Amino acid sequence: MEGTYGNLDLEESIYQTPSCKDRGSSSSKKRLYLEVIIFLGILNVLLLAGLIALGVHSRYLAPRLSNNPTKDTNDNLSATLKADLTKMVKKLPVSGGWTCSVAPQQFPAAQIDAGQGMVVMTDKNSSAFFLSRSSWSKLGSVSLKHVSVGPAGIWGVDQQNEVYKFVASDFVPTHGLELKQVDAGGQGQVIGVAKSDRIHCLTANKASSIKEIMHWSTSSVTDLLIYISCAPTGCWGVNAQQSIFFTQISNSCVKPGIWNKVDGEAVNVEVGSDGNVFVVNRLGLLYER
């Protein structure tokens, strides 16, 4: 520090000190430069904010103004709408609803049924499976499009509408009627839907037979339904007009009473052994009664 001060020339520094006039001129220039810099900074901020606002506005306005929106635009709008709806649903109060968790997967699943503590399913390749602990195992060697399990055992139908019963270790064919869907969840009887949408019944005595050849009654027990599901508490069905019906069908397959129309619309219905009824409407929404 001493060496530095020692090099200074006091007289020279005094003579080089700027006058008051020079100092005032320099201060004015600095203030002008500072004002220009501040102005340009504010202008840049305003321009940036305007560009951001214009981008956000054009993103939502452009698809509405276009008469021929592209597929990408539609996909983006659908994704945005779906996300918004998901947020709205999550905010809805839940009271008595079902909390579902992901089950063991078997792709590509097509149809599933449960009864007697057992879960069975078919996939789109017409293979049948049953749930064993946390994984699916092959059920029989016959290709089936629909399978059902219940007090009457395990039953299924193939692509040609031939009916099968699971006996010992595989499915064996029955004879007498072609059905497109069967249900084994009643009181031991088996209910089936024919191609004509008429409902047919196999008595509990015949359904429990271990013989490979069984004969269905050719008389129908009701008019047109496209799907039926039974439990000890009764049978539920839907018709082609998506109307929902309920009746009682005994295990002896006597003609049921009046089919009572139930409020609502559905394309499919299932009833559990506890009497709980589930329907799916044409929008894919699930309801419980």
C-alpha atoms as a PDB file:
ATOM      1  CA  MET A   1       0.000   0.000   0.000  1.00  0.00           C
ATOM      2  CA  GLU A   2       2.804   2.421   0.896  1.00  0.00           C
ATOM      3  CA  GLY A   3       4.534   1.828  -2.420  1.00  0.00           C
ATOM      4  CA  THR A   4       1.345   2.673  -4.265  1.00  0.00           C
ATOM      5  CA  TYR A   5       0.786   5.954  -2.492  1.00  0.00           C
ATOM      6  CA  GLY A   6       4.422   6.803  -2.951  1.00  0.00           C
ATOM      7  CA  ASN A   7       4.072   6.793  -6.714  1.00  0.00           C
ATOM      8  CA  LEU A   8       1.336   9.435  -6.758  1.00  0.00           C
ATOM      9  CA  ASP A   9       2.145  13.029  -7.805  1.00  0.00           C
ATOM     10  CA  LEU A  10       0.022  15.354  -5.712  1.00  0.00           C
ATOM     11  CA  GLU A  11       0.296  18.358  -7.985  1.00  0.00           C
ATOM     12  CA  GLU A  12      -0.479  16.378 -11.088  1.00  0.00           C
ATOM     13  CA  SER A  13      -3.568  14.882  -9.517  1.00  0.00           C
ATOM     14  CA  ILE A  14      -4.824  18.305  -8.468  1.00  0.00           C
ATOM     15  CA  TYR A  15      -4.479  19.806 -11.941  1.00  0.00           C
ATOM     16  CA  GLN A  16      -6.261  16.866 -13.523  1.00  0.00           C
ATOM     17  CA  THR A  17      -9.329  17.116 -11.312  1.00  0.00           C
ATOM     18  CA  PRO A  18     -12.368  17.927 -13.559  1.00  0.00           C
ATOM     19  CA  SER A  19     -14.163  21.226 -13.150  1.00  0.00           C
ATOM     20  CA  CYS A  20     -17.748  21.544 -11.909  1.00  0.00           C
ATOM     21  CA  LYS A  21     -18.922  22.201 -15.459  1.00  0.00           C
ATOM     22  CA  ASP A  22     -17.361  18.971 -16.748  1.00  0.00           C
ATOM     23  CA  ARG A  23     -18.824  16.943 -13.879  1.00  0.00           C
ATOM     24  CA  GLY A  24     -22.331  18.217 -14.569  1.00  0.00           C
ATOM     25  CA  SER A  25     -22.132  17.380 -18.252  1.00  0.00           C
ATOM     26  CA  SER A  26     -20.928  13.845 -17.515  1.00  0.00           C
ATOM     27  CA  SER A  27     -23.737  13.247 -15.009  1.00  0.00           C
ATOM     28  CA  SER A  28     -26.371  14.312 -17.560  1.00  0.00           C
ATOM     29  CA  LYS A  29     -25.012  11.923 -20.157  1.00  0.00           C
ATOM     30  CA  LYS A  30     -24.957   9.055 -17.696  1.00  0.00           C
ATOM     31  CA  ARG A  31     -28.556   9.791 -16.659  1.00  0.00           C
ATOM     32  CA  LEU A  32     -29.654   9.876 -20.304  1.00  0.00           C
ATOM     33  CA  TYR A  33     -27.943   6.556 -21.018  1.00  0.00           C
ATOM     34  CA  LEU A  34     -29.573   5.032 -17.950  1.00  0.00           C
ATOM     35  CA  GLU A  35     -33.037   6.215 -18.984  1.00  0.00           C
ATOM     36  CA  VAL A  36     -32.574   4.792 -22.484  1.00  0.00           C
ATOM     37  CA  ILE A  37     -31.457   1.438 -21.080  1.00  0.00           C
ATOM     38  CA  ILE A  38     -34.443   1.289 -18.689  1.00  0.00           C
ATOM     39  CA  PHE A  39     -36.831   2.219 -21.506  1.00  0.00           C
ATOM     40  CA  LEU A  40     -35.443  -0.471 -23.795  1.00  0.00           C
ATOM     41  CA  GLY A  41     -35.645  -3.037 -20.979  1.00  0.00           C
ATOM     42  CA  ILE A  42     -39.314  -2.218 -20.290  1.00  0.00           C
ATOM     43  CA  LEU A  43     -40.052  -2.369 -24.019  1.00  0.00           C
ATOM     44  CA  ASN A  44     -38.432  -5.821 -24.289  1.00  0.00           C
ATOM     45  CA  VAL A  45     -40.476  -7.084 -21.350  1.00  0.00           C
ATOM     46  CA  LEU A  46     -43.703  -5.781 -22.903  1.00  0.00           C
ATOM     47  CA  LEU A  47     -42.877  -7.315 -26.269  1.00  0.00           C
ATOM     48  CA  LEU A  48     -42.075 -10.675 -24.680  1.00  0.00           C
ATOM     49  CA  ALA A  49     -45.329 -10.641 -22.697  1.00  0.00           C
ATOM     50  CA  GLY A  50     -47.233  -9.806 -25.877  1.00  0.00           C
ATOM     51  CA  LEU A  51     -45.652 -12.672 -27.795  1.00  0.00           C
ATOM     52  CA  ILE A  52     -46.488 -15.124 -24.992  1.00  0.00           C
ATOM     53  CA  ALA A  53     -50.104 -13.917 -24.833  1.00  0.00           C
ATOM     54  CA  LEU A  54     -50.434 -14.126 -28.619  1.00  0.00           C
ATOM     55  CA  GLY A  55     -49.058 -17.680 -28.651  1.00  0.00           C
ATOM     56  CA  VAL A  56     -51.434 -18.876 -25.934  1.00  0.00           C
ATOM     57  CA  HIS A  57     -54.406 -17.163 -27.570  1.00  0.00           C
ATOM     58  CA  SER A  58     -53.656 -18.524 -31.051  1.00  0.00           C
ATOM     59  CA  ARG A  59     -53.210 -22.055 -29.669  1.00  0.00           C
ATOM     60  CA  TYR A  60     -56.825 -22.204 -28.509  1.00  0.00           C
ATOM     61  CA  LEU A  61     -58.382 -19.919 -31.100  1.00  0.00           C
ATOM     62  CA  ALA A  62     -56.864 -21.341 -34.299  1.00  0.00           C
ATOM     63  CA  PRO A  63     -58.588 -24.747 -34.171  1.00  0.00           C
ATOM     64  CA  ARG A  64     -61.954 -23.038 -33.722  1.00  0.00           C
ATOM     65  CA  LEU A  65     -61.435 -20.692 -36.661  1.00  0.00           C
ATOM     66  CA  SER A  66     -60.287 -23.457 -38.990  1.00  0.00           C
ATOM     67  CA  ASN A  67     -63.034 -25.186 -40.960  1.00  0.00           C
ATOM     68  CA  ASN A  68     -60.822 -28.227 -41.579  1.00  0.00           C
ATOM     69  CA  PRO A  69     -58.805 -28.936 -38.433  1.00  0.00           C
ATOM     70  CA  THR A  70     -56.044 -31.469 -38.873  1.00  0.00           C
ATOM     71  CA  LYS A  71     -55.929 -34.838 -37.150  1.00  0.00           C
ATOM     72  CA  ASP A  72     -53.112 -33.639 -34.915  1.00  0.00           C
ATOM     73  CA  THR A  73     -55.190 -30.671 -33.781  1.00  0.00           C
ATOM     74  CA  ASN A  74     -58.143 -32.918 -33.008  1.00  0.00           C
ATOM     75  CA  ASP A  75     -55.917 -35.310 -31.097  1.00  0.00           C
ATOM     76  CA  ASN A  76     -54.423 -32.467 -29.078  1.00  0.00           C
ATOM     77  CA  LEU A  77     -57.846 -31.056 -28.273  1.00  0.00           C
ATOM     78  CA  SER A  78     -59.124 -34.500 -27.293  1.00  0.00           C
ATOM     79  CA  ALA A  79     -56.132 -35.078 -25.065  1.00  0.00           C
ATOM     80  CA  THR A  80     -56.586 -31.662 -23.443  1.00  0.00           C
ATOM     81  CA  LEU A  81     -60.303 -32.270 -22.917  1.00  0.00           C
ATOM     82  CA  LYS A  82     -59.654 -35.706 -21.477  1.00  0.00           C
ATOM     83  CA  ALA A  83     -57.100 -34.305 -19.064  1.00  0.00           C
ATOM     84  CA  ASP A  84     -59.500 -31.567 -17.987  1.00  0.00           C
ATOM     85  CA  LEU A  85     -62.316 -34.068 -17.466  1.00  0.00           C
ATOM     86  CA  THR A  86     -59.997 -36.296 -15.448  1.00  0.00           C
ATOM     87  CA  LYS A  87     -59.147 -33.368 -13.184  1.00  0.00           C
ATOM     88  CA  MET A  88     -62.855 -32.589 -12.783  1.00  0.00           C
ATOM     89  CA  VAL A  89     -63.708 -36.190 -11.915  1.00  0.00           C
ATOM     90  CA  LYS A  90     -60.929 -36.319  -9.334  1.00  0.00           C
ATOM     91  CA  LYS A  91     -62.443 -33.247  -7.664  1.00  0.00           C
ATOM     92  CA  LEU A  92     -65.929 -34.788  -7.439  1.00  0.00           C
ATOM     93  CA  PRO A  93     -66.958 -36.005  -3.987  1.00  0.00           C
ATOM     94  CA  VAL A  94     -66.958 -39.788  -3.655  1.00  0.00           C
ATOM     95  CA  SER A  95     -69.584 -41.458  -1.515  1.00  0.00           C
ATOM     96  CA  GLY A  96     -70.044 -45.209  -1.460  1.00  0.00           C
ATOM     97  CA  GLY A  97     -68.103 -45.646  -4.712  1.00  0.00           C
ATOM     98  CA  TRP A  98     -65.890 -48.545  -5.695  1.00  0.00           C
ATOM     99  CA  THR A  99     -62.144 -48.303  -5.289  1.00  0.00           C
ATOM    100  CA  CYS A 100     -60.723 -50.489  -8.043  1.00  0.00           C
ATOM    101  CA  SER A 101     -57.183 -51.744  -8.384  1.00  0.00           C
ATOM    102  CA  VAL A 102     -55.471 -53.232 -11.410  1.00  0.00           C
ATOM    103  CA  ALA A 103     -56.076 -56.985 -11.648  1.00  0.00           C
ATOM    104  CA  PRO A 104     -53.664 -59.553 -13.109  1.00  0.00           C
ATOM    105  CA  GLN A 105     -53.574 -58.910 -16.845  1.00  0.00           C
ATOM    106  CA  GLN A 106     -54.150 -61.317 -19.728  1.00  0.00           C
ATOM    107  CA  PHE A 107     -54.142 -59.529 -23.082  1.00  0.00           C
ATOM    108  CA  PRO A 108     -56.180 -59.207 -25.153  1.00  0.00           C
ATOM    109  CA  ALA A 109     -59.083 -59.866 -22.749  1.00  0.00           C
ATOM    110  CA  ALA A 110     -62.569 -60.101 -24.256  1.00  0.00           C
ATOM    111  CA  GLN A 111     -64.957 -61.307 -21.532  1.00  0.00           C
ATOM    112  CA  ILE A 112     -64.825 -62.206 -17.830  1.00  0.00           C
ATOM    113  CA  ASP A 113     -67.102 -63.949 -15.317  1.00  0.00           C
ATOM    114  CA  ALA A 114     -66.912 -64.815 -11.623  1.00  0.00           C
ATOM    115  CA  GLY A 115     -68.750 -67.232  -9.351  1.00  0.00           C
ATOM    116  CA  GLN A 116     -68.251 -69.830  -6.645  1.00  0.00           C
ATOM    117  CA  GLY A 117     -64.984 -68.142  -5.685  1.00  0.00           C
ATOM    118  CA  MET A 118     -63.571 -68.600  -9.183  1.00  0.00           C
ATOM    119  CA  VAL A 119     -62.792 -66.127 -11.986  1.00  0.00           C
ATOM    120  CA  VAL A 120     -62.773 -67.171 -15.653  1.00  0.00           C
ATOM    121  CA  MET A 121     -62.239 -65.252 -18.876  1.00  0.00           C
ATOM    122  CA  THR A 122     -61.819 -65.490 -22.631  1.00  0.00           C
ATOM    123  CA  ASP A 123     -59.514 -63.432 -24.819  1.00  0.00           C
ATOM    124  CA  LYS A 124     -59.895 -62.197 -28.373  1.00  0.00           C
ATOM    125  CA  ASN A 125     -58.095 -65.298 -29.608  1.00  0.00           C
ATOM    126  CA  SER A 126     -60.951 -67.440 -28.176  1.00  0.00           C
ATOM    127  CA  SER A 127     -58.759 -68.938 -25.456  1.00  0.00           C
ATOM    128  CA  ALA A 128     -60.269 -69.593 -22.010  1.00  0.00           C
ATOM    129  CA  PHE A 129     -58.408 -68.931 -18.751  1.00  0.00           C
ATOM    130  CA  PHE A 130     -58.985 -69.118 -15.003  1.00  0.00           C
ATOM    131  CA  LEU A 131     -57.370 -66.985 -12.318  1.00  0.00           C
ATOM    132  CA  SER A 132     -54.889 -68.900 -10.152  1.00  0.00           C
ATOM    133  CA  ARG A 133     -53.535 -66.724  -7.339  1.00  0.00           C
ATOM    134  CA  SER A 134     -52.073 -63.732  -9.172  1.00  0.00           C
ATOM    135  CA  SER A 135     -51.816 -65.129 -12.715  1.00  0.00           C
ATOM    136  CA  TRP A 136     -54.017 -66.590 -15.422  1.00  0.00           C
ATOM    137  CA  SER A 137     -53.826 -70.265 -16.404  1.00  0.00           C
ATOM    138  CA  LYS A 138     -55.191 -71.938 -19.517  1.00  0.00           C
ATOM    139  CA  LEU A 139     -58.618 -73.490 -19.062  1.00  0.00           C
ATOM    140  CA  GLY A 140     -59.164 -76.509 -21.301  1.00  0.00           C
ATOM    141  CA  SER A 141     -58.176 -76.919 -24.923  1.00  0.00           C
ATOM    142  CA  VAL A 142     -61.390 -75.784 -26.653  1.00  0.00           C
ATOM    143  CA  SER A 143     -61.576 -72.368 -28.296  1.00  0.00           C
ATOM    144  CA  LEU A 144     -64.437 -70.404 -26.705  1.00  0.00           C
ATOM    145  CA  LYS A 145     -65.832 -66.928 -27.221  1.00  0.00           C
ATOM    146  CA  HIS A 146     -67.768 -66.865 -23.933  1.00  0.00           C
ATOM    147  CA  VAL A 147     -67.353 -68.680 -20.617  1.00  0.00           C
ATOM    148  CA  SER A 148     -69.369 -68.655 -17.370  1.00  0.00           C
ATOM    149  CA  VAL A 149     -68.891 -70.142 -13.908  1.00  0.00           C
ATOM    150  CA  GLY A 150     -71.409 -70.679 -11.117  1.00  0.00           C
ATOM    151  CA  PRO A 151     -73.343 -73.299  -9.132  1.00  0.00           C
ATOM    152  CA  ALA A 152     -73.952 -75.227 -12.378  1.00  0.00           C
ATOM    153  CA  GLY A 153     -70.197 -75.508 -13.053  1.00  0.00           C
ATOM    154  CA  ILE A 154     -68.166 -74.004 -15.890  1.00  0.00           C
ATOM    155  CA  TRP A 155     -69.869 -73.580 -19.252  1.00  0.00           C
ATOM    156  CA  GLY A 156     -68.926 -71.939 -22.554  1.00  0.00           C
ATOM    157  CA  VAL A 157     -69.810 -71.436 -26.196  1.00  0.00           C
ATOM    158  CA  ASP A 158     -67.538 -71.409 -29.240  1.00  0.00           C
ATOM    159  CA  GLN A 159     -67.549 -69.293 -32.392  1.00  0.00           C
ATOM    160  CA  GLN A 160     -70.046 -71.687 -34.016  1.00  0.00           C
ATOM    161  CA  ASN A 161     -72.402 -71.253 -31.003  1.00  0.00           C
ATOM    162  CA  GLU A 162     -71.865 -74.833 -29.854  1.00  0.00           C
ATOM    163  CA  VAL A 163     -72.292 -75.255 -26.081  1.00  0.00           C
ATOM    164  CA  TYR A 164     -69.675 -76.894 -23.839  1.00  0.00           C
ATOM    165  CA  LYS A 165     -69.445 -77.974 -20.230  1.00  0.00           C
ATOM    166  CA  PHE A 166     -66.177 -78.337 -18.344  1.00  0.00           C
ATOM    167  CA  VAL A 167     -65.881 -81.952 -17.178  1.00  0.00           C
ATOM    168  CA  ALA A 168     -62.786 -83.316 -15.415  1.00  0.00           C
ATOM    169  CA  SER A 169     -59.963 -81.512 -17.221  1.00  0.00           C
ATOM    170  CA  ASP A 170     -61.504 -80.185 -20.434  1.00  0.00           C
ATOM    171  CA  PHE A 171     -64.643 -78.898 -22.127  1.00  0.00           C
ATOM    172  CA  VAL A 172     -67.013 -81.442 -23.670  1.00  0.00           C
ATOM    173  CA  PRO A 173     -69.807 -80.603 -26.126  1.00  0.00           C
ATOM    174  CA  THR A 174     -73.521 -80.724 -25.373  1.00  0.00           C
ATOM    175  CA  HIS A 175     -76.219 -81.208 -27.962  1.00  0.00           C
ATOM    176  CA  GLY A 176     -79.687 -79.938 -28.670  1.00  0.00           C
ATOM    177  CA  LEU A 177     -79.295 -76.198 -29.166  1.00  0.00           C
ATOM    178  CA  GLU A 178     -76.912 -73.569 -30.480  1.00  0.00           C
ATOM    179  CA  LEU A 179     -76.388 -70.620 -28.150  1.00  0.00           C
ATOM    180  CA  LYS A 180     -74.317 -67.444 -28.395  1.00  0.00           C
ATOM    181  CA  GLN A 181     -74.082 -66.907 -24.620  1.00  0.00           C
ATOM    182  CA  VAL A 182     -74.617 -69.011 -21.492  1.00  0.00           C
ATOM    183  CA  ASP A 183     -74.823 -68.230 -17.797  1.00  0.00           C
ATOM    184  CA  ALA A 184     -74.237 -70.716 -14.958  1.00  0.00           C
ATOM    185  CA  GLY A 185     -74.884 -68.412 -12.010  1.00  0.00           C
ATOM    186  CA  GLY A 186     -78.458 -69.359 -11.101  1.00  0.00           C
ATOM    187  CA  GLN A 187     -79.704 -72.027  -8.712  1.00  0.00           C
ATOM    188  CA  GLY A 188     -77.997 -74.840 -10.592  1.00  0.00           C
ATOM    189  CA  GLN A 189     -79.783 -74.320 -13.902  1.00  0.00           C
ATOM    190  CA  VAL A 190     -78.008 -72.968 -17.009  1.00  0.00           C
ATOM    191  CA  ILE A 191     -79.548 -70.157 -19.036  1.00  0.00           C
ATOM    192  CA  GLY A 192     -78.567 -69.470 -22.644  1.00  0.00           C
ATOM    193  CA  VAL A 193     -79.234 -66.927 -25.417  1.00  0.00           C
ATOM    194  CA  ALA A 194     -79.893 -68.285 -28.912  1.00  0.00           C
ATOM    195  CA  LYS A 195     -79.059 -66.542 -32.196  1.00  0.00           C
ATOM    196  CA  SER A 196     -82.718 -65.544 -32.389  1.00  0.00           C
ATOM    197  CA  ASP A 197     -82.269 -63.726 -29.019  1.00  0.00           C
ATOM    198  CA  ARG A 198     -84.635 -66.168 -27.324  1.00  0.00           C
ATOM    199  CA  ILE A 199     -83.676 -67.425 -23.876  1.00  0.00           C
ATOM    200  CA  HIS A 200     -83.457 -71.178 -23.172  1.00  0.00           C
ATOM    201  CA  CYS A 201     -83.004 -73.056 -19.915  1.00  0.00           C
ATOM    202  CA  LEU A 202     -81.331 -76.336 -18.924  1.00  0.00           C
ATOM    203  CA  THR A 203     -82.641 -77.754 -15.651  1.00  0.00           C
ATOM    204  CA  ALA A 204     -80.358 -78.157 -12.663  1.00  0.00           C
ATOM    205  CA  ASN A 205     -80.683 -81.957 -12.829  1.00  0.00           C
ATOM    206  CA  LYS A 206     -79.498 -82.078 -16.428  1.00  0.00           C
ATOM    207  CA  ALA A 207     -76.833 -79.410 -15.897  1.00  0.00           C
ATOM    208  CA  SER A 208     -75.306 -81.421 -13.049  1.00  0.00           C
ATOM    209  CA  SER A 209     -75.006 -84.548 -15.157  1.00  0.00           C
ATOM    210  CA  ILE A 210     -71.468 -85.713 -15.878  1.00  0.00           C
ATOM    211  CA  LYS A 211     -72.501 -87.226 -19.203  1.00  0.00           C
ATOM    212  CA  GLU A 212     -70.887 -85.694 -22.255  1.00  0.00           C
ATOM    213  CA  ILE A 213     -74.162 -85.666 -24.203  1.00  0.00           C
ATOM    214  CA  MET A 214     -76.980 -83.565 -22.743  1.00  0.00           C
ATOM    215  CA  HIS A 215     -80.047 -82.239 -24.482  1.00  0.00           C
ATOM    216  CA  TRP A 216     -81.377 -78.753 -24.043  1.00  0.00           C
ATOM    217  CA  SER A 217     -85.073 -78.105 -23.964  1.00  0.00           C
ATOM    218  CA  THR A 218     -86.131 -76.620 -27.283  1.00  0.00           C
ATOM    219  CA  SER A 219     -88.844 -74.472 -25.697  1.00  0.00           C
ATOM    220  CA  SER A 220     -87.839 -70.924 -24.868  1.00  0.00           C
ATOM    221  CA  VAL A 221     -88.627 -69.421 -21.481  1.00  0.00           C
ATOM    222  CA  THR A 222     -88.912 -65.789 -22.561  1.00  0.00           C
ATOM    223  CA  ASP A 223     -88.963 -63.427 -25.474  1.00  0.00           C
ATOM    224  CA  LEU A 224     -86.067 -61.562 -27.018  1.00  0.00           C
ATOM    225  CA  LEU A 225     -83.010 -60.666 -24.968  1.00  0.00           C
ATOM    226  CA  ILE A 226     -79.437 -60.238 -26.159  1.00  0.00           C
ATOM    227  CA  TYR A 227     -77.782 -61.023 -22.823  1.00  0.00           C
ATOM    228  CA  ILE A 228     -78.833 -62.624 -19.552  1.00  0.00           C
ATOM    229  CA  SER A 229     -77.243 -63.145 -16.155  1.00  0.00           C
ATOM    230  CA  CYS A 230     -78.660 -65.139 -13.251  1.00  0.00           C
ATOM    231  CA  ALA A 231     -78.105 -65.495  -9.522  1.00  0.00           C
ATOM    232  CA  PRO A 232     -80.015 -67.330  -6.783  1.00  0.00           C
ATOM    233  CA  THR A 233     -81.968 -64.101  -6.346  1.00  0.00           C
ATOM    234  CA  GLY A 234     -83.195 -64.006  -9.959  1.00  0.00           C
ATOM    235  CA  CYS A 235     -82.233 -63.303 -13.567  1.00  0.00           C
ATOM    236  CA  TRP A 236     -81.466 -60.007 -15.271  1.00  0.00           C
ATOM    237  CA  GLY A 237     -81.346 -59.318 -19.003  1.00  0.00           C
ATOM    238  CA  VAL A 238     -81.106 -56.599 -21.647  1.00  0.00           C
ATOM    239  CA  ASN A 239     -82.703 -56.501 -25.084  1.00  0.00           C
ATOM    240  CA  ALA A 240     -81.631 -54.974 -28.383  1.00  0.00           C
ATOM    241  CA  GLN A 241     -83.327 -51.692 -27.413  1.00  0.00           C
ATOM    242  CA  GLN A 242     -81.053 -51.524 -24.317  1.00  0.00           C
ATOM    243  CA  SER A 243     -83.990 -52.001 -21.934  1.00  0.00           C
ATOM    244  CA  ILE A 244     -83.302 -53.819 -18.649  1.00  0.00           C
ATOM    245  CA  PHE A 245     -85.504 -56.643 -17.292  1.00  0.00           C
ATOM    246  CA  PHE A 246     -85.704 -58.830 -14.200  1.00  0.00           C
ATOM    247  CA  THR A 247     -87.554 -62.076 -13.397  1.00  0.00           C
ATOM    248  CA  GLN A 248     -87.344 -65.294 -11.382  1.00  0.00           C
ATOM    249  CA  ILE A 249     -86.459 -68.566 -13.116  1.00  0.00           C
ATOM    250  CA  SER A 250     -86.456 -71.707 -10.974  1.00  0.00           C
ATOM    251  CA  ASN A 251     -83.853 -74.452 -11.255  1.00  0.00           C
ATOM    252  CA  SER A 252     -86.517 -76.628 -12.878  1.00  0.00           C
ATOM    253  CA  CYS A 253     -86.817 -74.083 -15.704  1.00  0.00           C
ATOM    254  CA  VAL A 254     -90.555 -73.605 -15.325  1.00  0.00           C
ATOM    255  CA  LYS A 255     -91.825 -70.658 -17.280  1.00  0.00           C
ATOM    256  CA  PRO A 256     -90.921 -67.498 -15.386  1.00  0.00           C
ATOM    257  CA  GLY A 257     -93.341 -64.874 -14.245  1.00  0.00           C
ATOM    258  CA  ILE A 258     -93.621 -61.434 -15.720  1.00  0.00           C
ATOM    259  CA  TRP A 259     -90.399 -59.827 -16.859  1.00  0.00           C
ATOM    260  CA  ASN A 260     -90.322 -56.546 -14.961  1.00  0.00           C
ATOM    261  CA  LYS A 261     -88.811 -53.619 -16.829  1.00  0.00           C
ATOM    262  CA  VAL A 262     -86.296 -51.703 -14.751  1.00  0.00           C
ATOM    263  CA  ASP A 263     -85.469 -48.023 -15.190  1.00  0.00           C
ATOM    264  CA  GLY A 264     -82.336 -47.261 -17.153  1.00  0.00           C
ATOM    265  CA  GLU A 265     -80.582 -48.403 -20.317  1.00  0.00           C
ATOM    266  CA  ALA A 266     -77.734 -50.892 -20.754  1.00  0.00           C
ATOM    267  CA  VAL A 267     -75.964 -53.016 -23.326  1.00  0.00           C
ATOM    268  CA  ASN A 268     -74.796 -55.590 -20.780  1.00  0.00           C
ATOM    269  CA  VAL A 269     -75.792 -56.740 -17.313  1.00  0.00           C
ATOM    270  CA  GLU A 270     -74.284 -59.016 -14.671  1.00  0.00           C
ATOM    271  CA  VAL A 271     -75.673 -60.055 -11.298  1.00  0.00           C
ATOM    272  CA  GLY A 272     -73.528 -61.472  -8.512  1.00  0.00           C
ATOM    273  CA  SER A 273     -74.398 -64.295  -6.143  1.00  0.00           C
ATOM    274  CA  ASP A 274     -75.016 -61.642  -3.466  1.00  0.00           C
ATOM    275  CA  GLY A 275     -77.696 -60.016  -5.621  1.00  0.00           C
ATOM    276  CA  ASN A 276     -75.677 -56.930  -6.603  1.00  0.00           C
ATOM    277  CA  VAL A 277     -76.409 -55.943 -10.202  1.00  0.00           C
ATOM    278  CA  PHE A 278     -73.957 -54.205 -12.525  1.00  0.00           C
ATOM    279  CA  VAL A 279     -74.777 -52.740 -15.940  1.00  0.00           C
ATOM    280  CA  VAL A 280     -72.730 -51.115 -18.685  1.00  0.00           C
ATOM    281  CA  ASN A 281     -74.367 -48.555 -20.960  1.00  0.00           C
ATOM    282  CA  ARG A 282     -73.532 -47.735 -24.572  1.00  0.00           C
ATOM    283  CA  LEU A 283     -71.010 -45.121 -23.408  1.00  0.00           C
ATOM    284  CA  GLY A 284     -69.065 -47.737 -21.470  1.00  0.00           C
ATOM    285  CA  LEU A 285     -70.096 -46.348 -18.089  1.00  0.00           C
ATOM    286  CA  LEU A 286     -70.538 -48.832 -15.245  1.00  0.00           C
ATOM    287  CA  TYR A 287     -73.425 -48.644 -12.782  1.00  0.00           C
ATOM    288  CA  GLU A 288     -74.382 -50.714  -9.729  1.00  0.00           C
ATOM    289  CA  ARG A 289     -77.907 -51.286  -8.490  1.00  0.00           C
END
